[in-house]
Amino acid sequence: MTSKHLRRHCQLDEPSQRLLDAAINQLGLSARAHDRILKVSRTIADLAGEERLTATHLGEAIMYRTLDRTLSY
């Protein structure tokens, strides 16, 4: 998924955007990690049969990213 596709298919509402920004800042994640979190969030929403991303989808994707970082050290 390109940046153009991310902007089109992974639009966030204000609470979700704040959650993502907080996670990026607190966890020190890169722009690449930002995009990966959005992609995983989109997959989670798709599996749930939902068209829009929510803070719940985003939170789950952030949790997976955090778990991935903890286990890889």
PDB file of N, CA and C in Angstrom:
ATOM      1  N   MET A   1       0.847  -1.159   0.000  1.00  0.00           N
ATOM      2  CA  MET A   1       0.000   0.000   0.000  1.00  0.00           C
ATOM      3  C   MET A   1       0.904   1.237   0.000  1.00  0.00           C
ATOM      4  N   THR A   2       0.698   2.112  -0.947  1.00  0.00           N
ATOM      5  CA  THR A   2       1.504   3.328  -1.043  1.00  0.00           C
ATOM      6  C   THR A   2       0.971   4.398  -0.101  1.00  0.00           C
ATOM      7  N   SER A   3       1.698   5.488   0.018  1.00  0.00           N
ATOM      8  CA  SER A   3       1.256   6.607   0.854  1.00  0.00           C
ATOM      9  C   SER A   3      -0.086   7.150   0.378  1.00  0.00           C
ATOM     10  N   LYS A   4      -0.269   7.178  -0.914  1.00  0.00           N
ATOM     11  CA  LYS A   4      -1.535   7.643  -1.486  1.00  0.00           C
ATOM     12  C   LYS A   4      -2.686   6.737  -1.037  1.00  0.00           C
ATOM     13  N   HIS A   5      -2.458   5.434  -1.068  1.00  0.00           N
ATOM     14  CA  HIS A   5      -3.483   4.492  -0.626  1.00  0.00           C
ATOM     15  C   HIS A   5      -3.746   4.616   0.873  1.00  0.00           C
ATOM     16  N   LEU A   6      -2.685   4.823   1.648  1.00  0.00           N
ATOM     17  CA  LEU A   6      -2.850   4.994   3.094  1.00  0.00           C
ATOM     18  C   LEU A   6      -3.751   6.189   3.386  1.00  0.00           C
ATOM     19  N   ARG A   7      -3.497   7.302   2.717  1.00  0.00           N
ATOM     20  CA  ARG A   7      -4.326   8.495   2.939  1.00  0.00           C
ATOM     21  C   ARG A   7      -5.773   8.249   2.558  1.00  0.00           C
ATOM     22  N   ARG A   8      -5.993   7.472   1.525  1.00  0.00           N
ATOM     23  CA  ARG A   8      -7.355   7.226   1.044  1.00  0.00           C
ATOM     24  C   ARG A   8      -8.092   6.212   1.920  1.00  0.00           C
ATOM     25  N   HIS A   9      -7.434   5.129   2.286  1.00  0.00           N
ATOM     26  CA  HIS A   9      -8.111   4.017   2.949  1.00  0.00           C
ATOM     27  C   HIS A   9      -7.925   3.967   4.462  1.00  0.00           C
ATOM     28  N   CYS A  10      -7.065   4.808   4.977  1.00  0.00           N
ATOM     29  CA  CYS A  10      -6.779   4.762   6.420  1.00  0.00           C
ATOM     30  C   CYS A  10      -7.013   6.121   7.073  1.00  0.00           C
ATOM     31  N   GLN A  11      -8.120   6.750   6.747  1.00  0.00           N
ATOM     32  CA  GLN A  11      -8.434   8.042   7.335  1.00  0.00           C
ATOM     33  C   GLN A  11      -8.827   7.862   8.794  1.00  0.00           C
ATOM     34  N   LEU A  12      -8.290   8.743   9.639  1.00  0.00           N
ATOM     35  CA  LEU A  12      -8.527   8.651  11.074  1.00  0.00           C
ATOM     36  C   LEU A  12      -9.375   9.817  11.552  1.00  0.00           C
ATOM     37  N   ASP A  13     -10.243   9.540  12.518  1.00  0.00           N
ATOM     38  CA  ASP A  13     -10.958  10.634  13.159  1.00  0.00           C
ATOM     39  C   ASP A  13     -10.013  11.272  14.176  1.00  0.00           C
ATOM     40  N   GLU A  14     -10.433  12.359  14.788  1.00  0.00           N
ATOM     41  CA  GLU A  14      -9.564  13.115  15.690  1.00  0.00           C
ATOM     42  C   GLU A  14      -9.057  12.290  16.886  1.00  0.00           C
ATOM     43  N   PRO A  15      -9.930  11.549  17.595  1.00  0.00           N
ATOM     44  CA  PRO A  15      -9.409  10.743  18.720  1.00  0.00           C
ATOM     45  C   PRO A  15      -8.396   9.682  18.272  1.00  0.00           C
ATOM     46  N   SER A  16      -8.632   9.079  17.139  1.00  0.00           N
ATOM     47  CA  SER A  16      -7.701   8.063  16.629  1.00  0.00           C
ATOM     48  C   SER A  16      -6.365   8.691  16.252  1.00  0.00           C
ATOM     49  N   GLN A  17      -6.406   9.863  15.655  1.00  0.00           N
ATOM     50  CA  GLN A  17      -5.169  10.557  15.273  1.00  0.00           C
ATOM     51  C   GLN A  17      -4.368  10.931  16.514  1.00  0.00           C
ATOM     52  N   ARG A  18      -5.055  11.397  17.560  1.00  0.00           N
ATOM     53  CA  ARG A  18      -4.362  11.733  18.806  1.00  0.00           C
ATOM     54  C   ARG A  18      -3.721  10.488  19.431  1.00  0.00           C
ATOM     55  N   LEU A  19      -4.435   9.361  19.381  1.00  0.00           N
ATOM     56  CA  LEU A  19      -3.898   8.105  19.906  1.00  0.00           C
ATOM     57  C   LEU A  19      -2.635   7.699  19.151  1.00  0.00           C
ATOM     58  N   LEU A  20      -2.683   7.770  17.843  1.00  0.00           N
ATOM     59  CA  LEU A  20      -1.522   7.407  17.031  1.00  0.00           C
ATOM     60  C   LEU A  20      -0.352   8.348  17.299  1.00  0.00           C
ATOM     61  N   ASP A  21      -0.624   9.645  17.361  1.00  0.00           N
ATOM     62  CA  ASP A  21       0.441  10.612  17.640  1.00  0.00           C
ATOM     63  C   ASP A  21       1.082  10.350  19.002  1.00  0.00           C
ATOM     64  N   ALA A  22       0.258  10.063  20.003  1.00  0.00           N
ATOM     65  CA  ALA A  22       0.778   9.786  21.341  1.00  0.00           C
ATOM     66  C   ALA A  22       1.649   8.529  21.331  1.00  0.00           C
ATOM     67  N   ALA A  23       1.198   7.499  20.635  1.00  0.00           N
ATOM     68  CA  ALA A  23       1.977   6.255  20.562  1.00  0.00           C
ATOM     69  C   ALA A  23       3.307   6.488  19.861  1.00  0.00           C
ATOM     70  N   ILE A  24       3.292   7.237  18.783  1.00  0.00           N
ATOM     71  CA  ILE A  24       4.522   7.531  18.035  1.00  0.00           C
ATOM     72  C   ILE A  24       5.509   8.264  18.939  1.00  0.00           C
ATOM     73  N   ASN A  25       5.002   9.271  19.665  1.00  0.00           N
ATOM     74  CA  ASN A  25       5.887  10.064  20.537  1.00  0.00           C
ATOM     75  C   ASN A  25       6.372   9.272  21.735  1.00  0.00           C
ATOM     76  N   GLN A  26       5.493   8.557  22.406  1.00  0.00           N
ATOM     77  CA  GLN A  26       5.874   7.831  23.617  1.00  0.00           C
ATOM     78  C   GLN A  26       6.770   6.638  23.329  1.00  0.00           C
ATOM     79  N   LEU A  27       6.528   5.974  22.219  1.00  0.00           N
ATOM     80  CA  LEU A  27       7.311   4.783  21.884  1.00  0.00           C
ATOM     81  C   LEU A  27       8.519   5.098  21.005  1.00  0.00           C
ATOM     82  N   GLY A  28       8.604   6.338  20.535  1.00  0.00           N
ATOM     83  CA  GLY A  28       9.727   6.728  19.694  1.00  0.00           C
ATOM     84  C   GLY A  28       9.738   5.999  18.361  1.00  0.00           C
ATOM     85  N   LEU A  29       8.568   5.846  17.762  1.00  0.00           N
ATOM     86  CA  LEU A  29       8.456   5.095  16.511  1.00  0.00           C
ATOM     87  C   LEU A  29       8.768   5.973  15.306  1.00  0.00           C
ATOM     88  N   SER A  30       9.193   5.353  14.244  1.00  0.00           N
ATOM     89  CA  SER A  30       9.566   6.048  13.015  1.00  0.00           C
ATOM     90  C   SER A  30       8.349   6.253  12.109  1.00  0.00           C
ATOM     91  N   ALA A  31       8.563   6.982  11.032  1.00  0.00           N
ATOM     92  CA  ALA A  31       7.511   7.176  10.040  1.00  0.00           C
ATOM     93  C   ALA A  31       7.128   5.842   9.399  1.00  0.00           C
ATOM     94  N   ARG A  32       8.094   4.989   9.247  1.00  0.00           N
ATOM     95  CA  ARG A  32       7.820   3.652   8.696  1.00  0.00           C
ATOM     96  C   ARG A  32       6.910   2.857   9.638  1.00  0.00           C
ATOM     97  N   ALA A  33       7.173   2.949  10.931  1.00  0.00           N
ATOM     98  CA  ALA A  33       6.326   2.281  11.915  1.00  0.00           C
ATOM     99  C   ALA A  33       4.918   2.864  11.898  1.00  0.00           C
ATOM    100  N   HIS A  34       4.820   4.165  11.706  1.00  0.00           N
ATOM    101  CA  HIS A  34       3.518   4.843  11.591  1.00  0.00           C
ATOM    102  C   HIS A  34       2.705   4.212  10.468  1.00  0.00           C
ATOM    103  N   ASP A  35       3.331   4.057   9.315  1.00  0.00           N
ATOM    104  CA  ASP A  35       2.639   3.473   8.164  1.00  0.00           C
ATOM    105  C   ASP A  35       2.267   2.012   8.417  1.00  0.00           C
ATOM    106  N   ARG A  36       3.146   1.277   9.060  1.00  0.00           N
ATOM    107  CA  ARG A  36       2.849  -0.132   9.360  1.00  0.00           C
ATOM    108  C   ARG A  36       1.667  -0.255  10.315  1.00  0.00           C
ATOM    109  N   ILE A  37       1.601   0.622  11.306  1.00  0.00           N
ATOM    110  CA  ILE A  37       0.480   0.609  12.239  1.00  0.00           C
ATOM    111  C   ILE A  37      -0.823   0.891  11.494  1.00  0.00           C
ATOM    112  N   LEU A  38      -0.792   1.842  10.575  1.00  0.00           N
ATOM    113  CA  LEU A  38      -1.996   2.138   9.785  1.00  0.00           C
ATOM    114  C   LEU A  38      -2.410   0.932   8.939  1.00  0.00           C
ATOM    115  N   LYS A  39      -1.442   0.259   8.344  1.00  0.00           N
ATOM    116  CA  LYS A  39      -1.749  -0.912   7.515  1.00  0.00           C
ATOM    117  C   LYS A  39      -2.351  -2.041   8.340  1.00  0.00           C
ATOM    118  N   VAL A  40      -1.778  -2.286   9.509  1.00  0.00           N
ATOM    119  CA  VAL A  40      -2.310  -3.337  10.374  1.00  0.00           C
ATOM    120  C   VAL A  40      -3.705  -2.948  10.864  1.00  0.00           C
ATOM    121  N   SER A  41      -3.897  -1.681  11.191  1.00  0.00           N
ATOM    122  CA  SER A  41      -5.220  -1.194  11.609  1.00  0.00           C
ATOM    123  C   SER A  41      -6.252  -1.417  10.517  1.00  0.00           C
ATOM    124  N   ARG A  42      -5.855  -1.150   9.279  1.00  0.00           N
ATOM    125  CA  ARG A  42      -6.766  -1.343   8.152  1.00  0.00           C
ATOM    126  C   ARG A  42      -7.140  -2.818   8.028  1.00  0.00           C
ATOM    127  N   THR A  43      -6.165  -3.705   8.209  1.00  0.00           N
ATOM    128  CA  THR A  43      -6.424  -5.139   8.147  1.00  0.00           C
ATOM    129  C   THR A  43      -7.377  -5.565   9.253  1.00  0.00           C
ATOM    130  N   ILE A  44      -7.156  -5.065  10.457  1.00  0.00           N
ATOM    131  CA  ILE A  44      -8.025  -5.398  11.589  1.00  0.00           C
ATOM    132  C   ILE A  44      -9.457  -4.937  11.310  1.00  0.00           C
ATOM    133  N   ALA A  45      -9.614  -3.727  10.798  1.00  0.00           N
ATOM    134  CA  ALA A  45     -10.943  -3.210  10.464  1.00  0.00           C
ATOM    135  C   ALA A  45     -11.591  -4.054   9.365  1.00  0.00           C
ATOM    136  N   ASP A  46     -10.810  -4.434   8.370  1.00  0.00           N
ATOM    137  CA  ASP A  46     -11.337  -5.276   7.283  1.00  0.00           C
ATOM    138  C   ASP A  46     -11.819  -6.625   7.822  1.00  0.00           C
ATOM    139  N   LEU A  47     -11.036  -7.230   8.697  1.00  0.00           N
ATOM    140  CA  LEU A  47     -11.437  -8.519   9.265  1.00  0.00           C
ATOM    141  C   LEU A  47     -12.698  -8.398  10.121  1.00  0.00           C
ATOM    142  N   ALA A  48     -12.898  -7.219  10.712  1.00  0.00           N
ATOM    143  CA  ALA A  48     -14.097  -6.976  11.512  1.00  0.00           C
ATOM    144  C   ALA A  48     -15.278  -6.569  10.635  1.00  0.00           C
ATOM    145  N   GLY A  49     -15.025  -6.414   9.330  1.00  0.00           N
ATOM    146  CA  GLY A  49     -16.091  -6.033   8.409  1.00  0.00           C
ATOM    147  C   GLY A  49     -16.491  -4.578   8.520  1.00  0.00           C
ATOM    148  N   GLU A  50     -15.577  -3.730   8.980  1.00  0.00           N
ATOM    149  CA  GLU A  50     -15.881  -2.316   9.164  1.00  0.00           C
ATOM    150  C   GLU A  50     -15.159  -1.481   8.120  1.00  0.00           C
ATOM    151  N   GLU A  51     -15.861  -0.484   7.635  1.00  0.00           N
ATOM    152  CA  GLU A  51     -15.312   0.364   6.587  1.00  0.00           C
ATOM    153  C   GLU A  51     -14.353   1.416   7.137  1.00  0.00           C
ATOM    154  N   ARG A  52     -14.661   1.958   8.310  1.00  0.00           N
ATOM    155  CA  ARG A  52     -13.848   3.029   8.886  1.00  0.00           C
ATOM    156  C   ARG A  52     -12.941   2.491   9.987  1.00  0.00           C
ATOM    157  N   LEU A  53     -11.760   3.066  10.071  1.00  0.00           N
ATOM    158  CA  LEU A  53     -10.850   2.748  11.158  1.00  0.00           C
ATOM    159  C   LEU A  53     -11.333   3.444  12.424  1.00  0.00           C
ATOM    160  N   THR A  54     -11.204   2.774  13.546  1.00  0.00           N
ATOM    161  CA  THR A  54     -11.562   3.375  14.831  1.00  0.00           C
ATOM    162  C   THR A  54     -10.352   3.315  15.761  1.00  0.00           C
ATOM    163  N   ALA A  55     -10.489   3.983  16.895  1.00  0.00           N
ATOM    164  CA  ALA A  55      -9.419   3.957  17.890  1.00  0.00           C
ATOM    165  C   ALA A  55      -9.181   2.530  18.383  1.00  0.00           C
ATOM    166  N   THR A  56     -10.218   1.699  18.374  1.00  0.00           N
ATOM    167  CA  THR A  56     -10.082   0.303  18.794  1.00  0.00           C
ATOM    168  C   THR A  56      -9.150  -0.456  17.847  1.00  0.00           C
ATOM    169  N   HIS A  57      -9.350  -0.287  16.546  1.00  0.00           N
ATOM    170  CA  HIS A  57      -8.485  -0.946  15.551  1.00  0.00           C
ATOM    171  C   HIS A  57      -7.055  -0.451  15.699  1.00  0.00           C
ATOM    172  N   LEU A  58      -6.928   0.852  15.863  1.00  0.00           N
ATOM    173  CA  LEU A  58      -5.606   1.456  15.989  1.00  0.00           C
ATOM    174  C   LEU A  58      -4.913   0.991  17.268  1.00  0.00           C
ATOM    175  N   GLY A  59      -5.649   0.947  18.364  1.00  0.00           N
ATOM    176  CA  GLY A  59      -5.086   0.499  19.633  1.00  0.00           C
ATOM    177  C   GLY A  59      -4.576  -0.932  19.554  1.00  0.00           C
ATOM    178  N   GLU A  60      -5.328  -1.790  18.865  1.00  0.00           N
ATOM    179  CA  GLU A  60      -4.903  -3.175  18.707  1.00  0.00           C
ATOM    180  C   GLU A  60      -3.616  -3.255  17.876  1.00  0.00           C
ATOM    181  N   ALA A  61      -3.545  -2.470  16.822  1.00  0.00           N
ATOM    182  CA  ALA A  61      -2.342  -2.464  15.983  1.00  0.00           C
ATOM    183  C   ALA A  61      -1.143  -1.935  16.756  1.00  0.00           C
ATOM    184  N   ILE A  62      -1.351  -0.922  17.580  1.00  0.00           N
ATOM    185  CA  ILE A  62      -0.260  -0.378  18.401  1.00  0.00           C
ATOM    186  C   ILE A  62       0.204  -1.426  19.400  1.00  0.00           C
ATOM    187  N   MET A  63      -0.749  -2.147  19.977  1.00  0.00           N
ATOM    188  CA  MET A  63      -0.409  -3.202  20.927  1.00  0.00           C
ATOM    189  C   MET A  63       0.469  -4.261  20.253  1.00  0.00           C
ATOM    190  N   TYR A  64       0.108  -4.664  19.036  1.00  0.00           N
ATOM    191  CA  TYR A  64       0.916  -5.654  18.312  1.00  0.00           C
ATOM    192  C   TYR A  64       2.312  -5.113  18.038  1.00  0.00           C
ATOM    193  N   ARG A  65       2.408  -3.852  17.683  1.00  0.00           N
ATOM    194  CA  ARG A  65       3.710  -3.237  17.411  1.00  0.00           C
ATOM    195  C   ARG A  65       4.566  -3.208  18.677  1.00  0.00           C
ATOM    196  N   THR A  66       3.957  -2.855  19.802  1.00  0.00           N
ATOM    197  CA  THR A  66       4.658  -2.832  21.076  1.00  0.00           C
ATOM    198  C   THR A  66       5.118  -4.229  21.460  1.00  0.00           C
ATOM    199  N   LEU A  67       4.247  -5.197  21.283  1.00  0.00           N
ATOM    200  CA  LEU A  67       4.588  -6.577  21.587  1.00  0.00           C
ATOM    201  C   LEU A  67       5.746  -7.048  20.709  1.00  0.00           C
ATOM    202  N   ASP A  68       5.702  -6.686  19.428  1.00  0.00           N
ATOM    203  CA  ASP A  68       6.765  -7.055  18.495  1.00  0.00           C
ATOM    204  C   ASP A  68       8.111  -6.482  18.936  1.00  0.00           C
ATOM    205  N   ARG A  69       8.099  -5.236  19.388  1.00  0.00           N
ATOM    206  CA  ARG A  69       9.348  -4.594  19.830  1.00  0.00           C
ATOM    207  C   ARG A  69       9.890  -5.253  21.089  1.00  0.00           C
ATOM    208  N   THR A  70       9.009  -5.658  22.001  1.00  0.00           N
ATOM    209  CA  THR A  70       9.454  -6.264  23.254  1.00  0.00           C
ATOM    210  C   THR A  70      10.040  -7.647  23.017  1.00  0.00           C
ATOM    211  N   LEU A  71       9.441  -8.397  22.126  1.00  0.00           N
ATOM    212  CA  LEU A  71       9.897  -9.763  21.898  1.00  0.00           C
ATOM    213  C   LEU A  71      11.143  -9.834  21.023  1.00  0.00           C
ATOM    214  N   SER A  72      11.420  -8.808  20.245  1.00  0.00           N
ATOM    215  CA  SER A  72      12.562  -8.871  19.336  1.00  0.00           C
ATOM    216  C   SER A  72      13.871  -8.464  20.009  1.00  0.00           C
ATOM    217  N   TYR A  73      13.825  -8.040  21.253  1.00  0.00           N
ATOM    218  CA  TYR A  73      15.076  -7.657  21.943  1.00  0.00           C
ATOM    219  C   TYR A  73      15.630  -8.771  22.724  1.00  0.00           C
TER     220      TYR A  73
END
